[in-house]
N, C-alpha and C. Protein backbone atom coordinates (compact mmCIF):
# COMPACT_ATOMS: atom_id res chain seq x y z
N MET A 1 69.24 269.18 231.22
CA MET A 1 70.40 268.42 231.96
C MET A 1 69.95 267.07 232.23
N ARG A 2 68.64 267.02 232.89
CA ARG A 2 68.04 265.99 233.55
C ARG A 2 67.78 264.71 232.50
N HIS A 3 67.58 265.16 231.22
CA HIS A 3 67.45 264.28 230.22
C HIS A 3 68.88 263.33 229.92
N TYR A 4 69.92 264.09 230.27
CA TYR A 4 71.24 263.45 229.96
C TYR A 4 71.72 262.53 230.88
N ARG A 5 71.49 262.83 232.26
CA ARG A 5 72.12 262.27 233.44
C ARG A 5 71.90 260.78 233.48
N PRO A 6 70.88 260.18 232.84
CA PRO A 6 71.00 258.70 232.99
C PRO A 6 71.98 258.02 231.87
N HIS A 7 72.51 258.80 231.02
CA HIS A 7 73.30 258.38 229.88
C HIS A 7 74.77 258.75 230.11
N LEU A 8 75.09 259.39 231.18
CA LEU A 8 76.53 260.16 231.29
C LEU A 8 77.35 258.75 231.63
N SER A 9 76.89 257.95 232.34
CA SER A 9 77.86 256.55 232.64
C SER A 9 78.13 256.14 231.31
N GLU A 10 77.24 255.98 230.37
CA GLU A 10 77.55 255.33 228.98
C GLU A 10 78.74 255.82 228.15
N LEU A 11 79.07 257.20 228.41
CA LEU A 11 79.99 257.92 227.54
C LEU A 11 81.35 258.01 228.30
N VAL A 12 82.31 258.02 227.61
CA VAL A 12 83.60 257.98 228.16
C VAL A 12 84.11 259.40 227.70
N THR A 13 84.60 260.10 228.83
CA THR A 13 85.07 261.46 228.50
C THR A 13 86.38 261.80 229.35
N THR A 14 86.94 260.57 229.45
CA THR A 14 88.39 260.83 230.09
C THR A 14 89.34 261.74 229.50
N GLY A 15 89.92 262.49 230.10
CA GLY A 15 90.83 263.38 229.59
C GLY A 15 90.41 264.57 228.61
N LEU A 16 89.01 264.70 228.57
CA LEU A 16 88.37 265.79 227.75
C LEU A 16 88.00 267.02 228.70
N THR A 17 87.81 268.08 228.06
CA THR A 17 87.51 269.42 228.88
C THR A 17 86.20 269.86 228.13
N PHE A 18 85.08 270.45 228.83
CA PHE A 18 83.97 270.85 228.21
C PHE A 18 83.79 272.30 228.47
N PRO A 19 83.20 273.04 227.64
CA PRO A 19 82.83 272.70 226.32
C PRO A 19 83.84 272.03 225.50
N LEU A 20 83.71 271.22 224.78
CA LEU A 20 84.66 270.37 223.82
C LEU A 20 85.03 271.15 222.82
N PRO A 21 86.38 271.48 222.75
CA PRO A 21 86.79 272.23 221.34
C PRO A 21 86.78 271.33 220.20
N LEU A 22 86.57 272.13 219.03
CA LEU A 22 86.44 271.05 217.97
C LEU A 22 87.72 270.38 217.62
N LYS A 23 88.69 270.61 218.09
CA LYS A 23 89.98 269.75 217.73
C LYS A 23 89.82 268.60 218.65
N ASP A 24 88.99 268.22 219.53
CA ASP A 24 88.84 267.13 220.43
C ASP A 24 87.90 266.27 219.99
N ILE A 25 86.99 266.60 218.87
CA ILE A 25 86.00 265.74 218.49
C ILE A 25 86.45 264.36 218.08
N ALA A 26 87.60 264.39 217.57
CA ALA A 26 88.21 262.96 217.01
C ALA A 26 88.61 262.09 218.40
N LYS A 27 89.04 262.89 219.25
CA LYS A 27 89.38 262.20 220.47
C LYS A 27 88.08 261.53 221.20
N TYR A 28 87.13 262.43 221.27
CA TYR A 28 85.83 261.88 221.76
C TYR A 28 85.19 260.63 221.15
N GLU A 29 85.45 260.65 219.79
CA GLU A 29 85.14 259.48 218.73
C GLU A 29 85.82 258.41 219.02
N CYS A 30 87.32 258.52 219.32
CA CYS A 30 88.20 257.40 219.83
C CYS A 30 87.64 256.84 220.99
N LEU A 31 87.31 257.51 222.20
CA LEU A 31 86.83 256.95 223.27
C LEU A 31 85.45 256.38 223.26
N ASN A 32 84.67 256.79 222.44
CA ASN A 32 83.30 256.33 222.30
C ASN A 32 83.08 255.55 220.84
N GLU A 33 83.38 254.41 220.82
CA GLU A 33 83.53 253.42 219.54
C GLU A 33 82.18 253.40 218.87
N ASN A 34 81.03 253.77 219.44
CA ASN A 34 79.95 253.53 218.70
C ASN A 34 79.18 254.81 218.29
N ILE A 35 79.98 255.93 218.56
CA ILE A 35 79.25 257.27 218.18
C ILE A 35 80.35 257.94 217.15
N ALA A 36 79.90 258.58 216.11
CA ALA A 36 80.38 259.32 214.93
C ALA A 36 79.69 260.72 215.15
N VAL A 37 80.58 261.84 214.96
CA VAL A 37 80.07 263.15 215.20
C VAL A 37 80.50 263.98 213.68
N ASN A 38 79.55 264.75 213.27
CA ASN A 38 79.91 265.66 212.38
C ASN A 38 79.66 267.08 212.93
N VAL A 39 80.18 268.07 212.49
CA VAL A 39 80.18 269.42 213.02
C VAL A 39 80.11 270.52 211.87
N MET A 40 79.02 271.25 211.98
CA MET A 40 79.13 272.50 210.86
C MET A 40 78.81 273.76 211.54
N THR A 41 78.80 274.81 210.68
CA THR A 41 78.60 276.11 211.28
C THR A 41 77.75 276.97 210.08
N PHE A 42 77.44 278.09 210.33
CA PHE A 42 76.93 278.90 209.38
C PHE A 42 77.68 280.25 209.26
N ASP A 43 78.02 280.59 208.00
CA ASP A 43 78.77 281.81 207.80
C ASP A 43 78.18 282.57 206.68
N GLU A 44 77.57 283.70 207.01
CA GLU A 44 76.76 284.47 206.02
C GLU A 44 75.62 283.58 205.43
N ARG A 45 74.91 282.91 206.43
CA ARG A 45 73.66 282.18 205.86
C ARG A 45 73.85 280.83 205.10
N GLN A 46 75.33 280.44 205.04
CA GLN A 46 75.75 279.30 204.16
C GLN A 46 76.20 278.35 205.22
N PRO A 47 75.80 277.11 205.22
CA PRO A 47 76.31 276.03 206.17
C PRO A 47 77.61 275.58 205.53
N ILE A 48 78.66 275.54 206.52
CA ILE A 48 80.03 275.15 206.28
C ILE A 48 80.31 273.89 207.01
N PRO A 49 80.87 272.74 206.52
CA PRO A 49 81.27 271.64 207.38
C PRO A 49 82.59 271.95 207.93
N LEU A 50 82.64 271.81 209.44
CA LEU A 50 83.88 271.87 210.06
C LEU A 50 84.65 270.56 210.41
N TYR A 51 84.03 269.90 210.74
CA TYR A 51 84.53 268.39 210.86
C TYR A 51 83.48 267.40 210.41
N VAL A 52 84.13 266.49 209.62
CA VAL A 52 83.29 265.33 209.10
C VAL A 52 84.03 263.85 209.60
N THR A 53 83.22 263.26 210.24
CA THR A 53 83.65 261.92 210.91
C THR A 53 84.25 261.20 209.68
N PRO A 54 85.29 260.27 210.19
CA PRO A 54 85.85 259.24 208.99
C PRO A 54 84.93 257.94 209.43
N HIS A 55 84.25 257.99 210.29
CA HIS A 55 83.61 256.77 210.96
C HIS A 55 82.19 256.67 210.61
N ARG A 56 81.55 256.61 209.40
CA ARG A 56 80.30 256.82 208.84
C ARG A 56 79.41 255.52 209.31
N GLN A 57 79.89 254.32 209.54
CA GLN A 57 79.33 253.08 209.83
C GLN A 57 79.09 252.98 211.19
N ARG A 58 79.21 253.83 211.97
CA ARG A 58 79.04 253.64 213.56
C ARG A 58 77.48 253.75 213.76
N LYS A 59 77.17 253.10 214.96
CA LYS A 59 75.75 252.81 215.37
C LYS A 59 75.02 254.31 215.37
N HIS A 60 75.83 255.12 215.95
CA HIS A 60 75.09 256.45 216.14
C HIS A 60 75.91 257.62 215.44
N LEU A 61 75.25 258.34 214.51
CA LEU A 61 75.73 259.39 213.91
C LEU A 61 74.99 260.67 214.39
N ILE A 62 75.96 261.56 214.88
CA ILE A 62 75.43 262.88 215.32
C ILE A 62 75.84 264.00 214.73
N ASN A 63 74.95 264.84 214.20
CA ASN A 63 75.28 266.11 213.62
C ASN A 63 74.86 267.27 214.49
N LEU A 64 76.06 268.15 214.57
CA LEU A 64 76.05 269.28 215.51
C LEU A 64 76.28 270.43 214.68
N LEU A 65 75.55 271.61 215.16
CA LEU A 65 75.71 272.95 214.70
C LEU A 65 76.40 273.60 215.62
N LEU A 66 77.60 274.19 215.29
CA LEU A 66 78.51 274.89 216.03
C LEU A 66 77.93 276.47 215.98
N LEU A 67 77.60 277.15 217.31
CA LEU A 67 77.09 278.46 217.14
C LEU A 67 78.08 279.11 218.10
N THR A 68 78.68 280.32 217.59
CA THR A 68 79.71 281.11 218.36
C THR A 68 79.17 282.56 218.58
N ASP A 69 79.77 283.09 219.56
CA ASP A 69 79.54 284.47 219.72
C ASP A 69 80.93 285.16 219.94
N ASP A 70 81.40 285.73 218.91
CA ASP A 70 82.80 286.10 218.84
C ASP A 70 83.15 287.23 219.77
N GLU A 71 82.25 288.16 220.15
CA GLU A 71 82.25 289.24 220.92
C GLU A 71 82.58 288.56 222.46
N ARG A 72 81.87 287.64 222.86
CA ARG A 72 82.08 287.13 224.17
C ARG A 72 82.99 285.88 224.14
N ASP A 73 83.43 285.56 223.12
CA ASP A 73 84.34 284.36 222.92
C ASP A 73 83.79 283.24 223.49
N VAL A 74 82.56 282.74 223.17
CA VAL A 74 81.82 281.62 223.64
C VAL A 74 81.44 280.64 222.57
N HIS A 75 81.18 279.58 222.49
CA HIS A 75 80.56 278.70 221.60
C HIS A 75 79.75 277.65 222.11
N HIS A 76 78.67 277.14 221.44
CA HIS A 76 77.80 276.15 221.85
C HIS A 76 77.47 275.11 220.73
N TYR A 77 77.13 274.03 221.08
CA TYR A 77 77.01 272.97 220.00
C TYR A 77 75.37 272.80 220.16
N VAL A 78 74.60 272.70 218.97
CA VAL A 78 73.33 272.44 218.91
C VAL A 78 73.11 271.16 218.11
N LEU A 79 72.22 270.18 218.67
CA LEU A 79 72.10 268.92 218.03
C LEU A 79 71.10 269.14 216.74
N VAL A 80 71.50 268.67 215.52
CA VAL A 80 70.58 268.71 214.53
C VAL A 80 70.01 267.32 214.06
N ARG A 81 68.69 267.21 214.35
CA ARG A 81 68.16 266.16 214.31
C ARG A 81 67.92 265.73 212.83
N ASP A 82 67.55 266.63 211.99
CA ASP A 82 67.29 266.47 210.57
C ASP A 82 68.16 267.51 209.75
N LEU A 83 69.12 266.92 209.23
CA LEU A 83 70.03 267.63 208.25
C LEU A 83 69.35 268.20 207.14
N SER A 84 68.37 267.42 206.52
CA SER A 84 67.55 267.79 205.41
C SER A 84 66.94 269.04 205.71
N ARG A 85 66.23 269.12 206.92
CA ARG A 85 65.53 270.36 207.24
C ARG A 85 66.23 271.40 207.31
N LEU A 86 67.52 271.32 207.90
CA LEU A 86 68.39 272.42 208.17
C LEU A 86 68.94 273.21 206.86
N VAL A 87 69.27 272.33 205.91
CA VAL A 87 70.02 272.87 204.70
C VAL A 87 69.25 272.95 203.31
N SER A 88 68.07 272.21 203.40
CA SER A 88 67.41 271.96 202.03
C SER A 88 66.73 273.05 201.67
N GLY A 89 66.45 274.11 202.51
CA GLY A 89 65.79 275.38 202.23
C GLY A 89 66.50 276.15 201.09
N ARG A 90 67.81 275.74 200.70
CA ARG A 90 68.45 276.31 199.74
C ARG A 90 68.13 276.03 198.29
N THR A 91 67.29 275.03 198.22
CA THR A 91 66.82 274.29 196.88
C THR A 91 65.38 274.72 196.57
N LYS A 92 64.85 274.58 195.39
CA LYS A 92 63.53 274.59 195.05
C LYS A 92 62.68 273.36 195.31
N HIS A 93 63.40 272.42 195.61
CA HIS A 93 62.73 271.13 195.88
C HIS A 93 61.88 271.03 196.88
N VAL A 94 60.73 270.47 197.00
CA VAL A 94 60.00 270.67 198.17
C VAL A 94 59.80 269.05 198.73
N GLY A 95 60.35 268.75 199.74
CA GLY A 95 60.34 267.59 200.35
C GLY A 95 61.70 267.10 200.80
N LYS A 96 61.82 265.98 201.27
CA LYS A 96 63.06 265.53 201.95
C LYS A 96 64.23 265.52 200.98
N ALA A 97 65.51 266.18 201.47
CA ALA A 97 66.45 266.12 200.64
C ALA A 97 67.58 265.23 201.20
N PHE A 98 68.46 264.70 200.37
CA PHE A 98 69.47 263.91 200.83
C PHE A 98 70.72 264.40 200.85
N VAL A 99 71.64 264.88 201.91
CA VAL A 99 72.47 265.86 202.04
C VAL A 99 73.80 265.06 202.18
N CYS A 100 74.80 265.45 201.42
CA CYS A 100 76.20 265.09 201.50
C CYS A 100 76.81 265.72 202.73
N GLU A 101 77.18 264.86 203.89
CA GLU A 101 78.01 265.56 204.87
C GLU A 101 79.21 266.17 204.75
N TYR A 102 79.99 265.81 203.52
CA TYR A 102 81.13 266.54 203.19
C TYR A 102 81.17 267.81 202.55
N CYS A 103 80.12 268.25 201.92
CA CYS A 103 79.97 269.32 201.09
C CYS A 103 78.58 270.01 201.38
N LEU A 104 77.80 269.37 202.13
CA LEU A 104 76.21 269.84 202.39
C LEU A 104 75.55 270.23 201.12
N HIS A 105 75.83 269.54 200.12
CA HIS A 105 75.02 269.63 198.85
C HIS A 105 73.81 268.81 199.21
N CYS A 106 72.71 269.02 198.36
CA CYS A 106 71.46 268.48 198.57
C CYS A 106 71.08 267.73 197.29
N PHE A 107 70.61 266.61 197.67
CA PHE A 107 70.17 265.84 196.35
C PHE A 107 68.76 265.30 196.42
N ARG A 108 68.03 265.17 195.25
CA ARG A 108 66.59 264.78 195.51
C ARG A 108 66.41 263.52 195.68
N ARG A 109 67.34 262.58 195.29
CA ARG A 109 67.39 260.99 195.18
C ARG A 109 68.47 260.51 196.08
N GLU A 110 68.15 259.42 196.93
CA GLU A 110 69.04 258.78 197.79
C GLU A 110 70.25 258.10 196.95
N HIS A 111 69.83 257.48 195.88
CA HIS A 111 70.86 256.87 194.77
C HIS A 111 72.01 257.83 194.30
N THR A 112 71.46 258.99 194.22
CA THR A 112 72.41 259.98 193.65
C THR A 112 73.47 260.49 194.75
N LEU A 113 73.00 260.66 196.00
CA LEU A 113 73.68 260.87 196.99
C LEU A 113 74.86 259.72 197.14
N THR A 114 74.37 258.42 197.24
CA THR A 114 75.17 257.25 197.27
C THR A 114 76.24 257.19 196.33
N GLU A 115 75.98 257.50 195.10
CA GLU A 115 76.95 257.65 194.11
C GLU A 115 77.85 258.92 194.35
N HIS A 116 77.65 259.78 194.90
CA HIS A 116 78.25 261.10 195.00
C HIS A 116 79.33 260.81 196.28
N ILE A 117 79.08 260.18 197.31
CA ILE A 117 79.72 260.02 198.47
C ILE A 117 81.21 259.63 198.40
N PRO A 118 81.44 258.48 197.58
CA PRO A 118 82.85 258.03 197.23
C PRO A 118 83.78 259.11 196.61
N ASN A 119 83.26 259.93 195.85
CA ASN A 119 84.14 261.01 195.26
C ASN A 119 84.43 262.20 196.01
N CYS A 120 83.25 262.53 196.86
CA CYS A 120 83.37 263.60 197.82
C CYS A 120 84.09 263.25 199.16
N SER A 121 83.96 262.06 199.44
CA SER A 121 84.57 261.83 200.62
C SER A 121 86.31 261.61 200.68
N THR A 122 86.77 261.73 199.51
CA THR A 122 88.30 261.76 199.27
C THR A 122 88.97 263.09 199.63
N HIS A 123 87.91 264.07 199.76
CA HIS A 123 88.52 265.53 199.87
C HIS A 123 88.21 265.90 201.21
N LEU A 124 88.80 266.95 201.64
CA LEU A 124 88.54 267.67 202.98
C LEU A 124 87.20 268.02 203.03
N PRO A 125 86.55 268.44 204.15
CA PRO A 125 85.18 268.97 204.12
C PRO A 125 85.28 270.38 203.13
N GLN A 126 84.16 270.62 202.54
CA GLN A 126 84.21 271.70 201.60
C GLN A 126 82.73 272.41 201.51
N THR A 127 82.78 273.47 201.03
CA THR A 127 81.50 274.36 200.81
C THR A 127 81.54 274.95 199.32
N VAL A 128 80.25 275.13 198.84
CA VAL A 128 80.40 275.68 197.29
C VAL A 128 79.80 277.01 197.69
N THR A 129 80.48 278.08 197.07
CA THR A 129 79.88 279.54 197.14
C THR A 129 79.89 279.92 195.83
N TYR A 130 78.75 280.53 195.40
CA TYR A 130 78.47 280.98 193.93
C TYR A 130 78.70 282.57 194.00
N PRO A 131 79.48 283.03 192.99
CA PRO A 131 79.63 284.51 192.82
C PRO A 131 78.46 285.26 192.84
N VAL A 132 78.25 286.46 193.00
CA VAL A 132 77.20 287.37 192.98
C VAL A 132 77.24 287.85 191.49
N ALA A 133 76.05 287.77 190.87
CA ALA A 133 75.90 288.35 189.44
C ALA A 133 76.35 289.69 189.39
N GLY A 134 77.24 289.90 188.38
CA GLY A 134 77.56 291.29 188.18
C GLY A 134 78.91 291.71 188.79
N LYS A 135 79.18 290.78 189.77
CA LYS A 135 80.42 290.95 190.75
C LYS A 135 81.71 290.11 190.33
N ASP A 136 82.52 290.28 189.57
CA ASP A 136 83.69 289.19 189.25
C ASP A 136 83.08 287.88 189.30
N ALA A 137 82.11 287.60 188.49
CA ALA A 137 81.51 286.25 188.43
C ALA A 137 82.36 285.09 187.99
N VAL A 138 83.40 284.71 188.81
CA VAL A 138 84.24 283.64 188.57
C VAL A 138 84.14 282.56 189.71
N LEU A 139 84.08 281.48 189.34
CA LEU A 139 83.89 280.34 190.39
C LEU A 139 85.16 279.91 190.79
N HIS A 140 85.46 279.74 192.12
CA HIS A 140 86.66 279.47 192.62
C HIS A 140 86.58 278.24 193.68
N TYR A 141 87.54 277.57 193.75
CA TYR A 141 87.52 276.33 194.76
C TYR A 141 88.37 276.80 195.88
N LYS A 142 87.89 276.63 196.99
CA LYS A 142 88.34 277.10 198.25
C LYS A 142 88.15 276.03 199.28
N PRO A 143 89.07 275.03 199.63
CA PRO A 143 88.58 274.01 200.69
C PRO A 143 88.62 274.84 201.90
N THR A 144 87.68 274.27 202.91
CA THR A 144 87.53 274.87 204.35
C THR A 144 88.29 274.32 205.30
């Protein structure tokens, strides 16, 4: 907490309660016009975007991982410093991956991600789940 104290006066938190519910992330962004926030979680070892900011061009883009303990009904946000390191283990590519914040798909090259973003950003945050071989191997689209 001591690392954050000098910056508390820079952030506007008027009318917000903490820990901040997911539904209030957009309110936080409106109060702090230079900060954009993305939130994701893991479900069955699969990353799932929960909130993707519409403000991609802001000075500070913060990626958070939401950890939950359903038994105790508590949640905690963890800062993700490098999205590539968090999700690129799902690929065979060795090296930095360029990750789409909307679908968390990994790309090998930045220009491929840049071409992908305009199409993906028109949809709600989503995740791709592949069927298990031998079990009703049918691909379905289900927005999160």
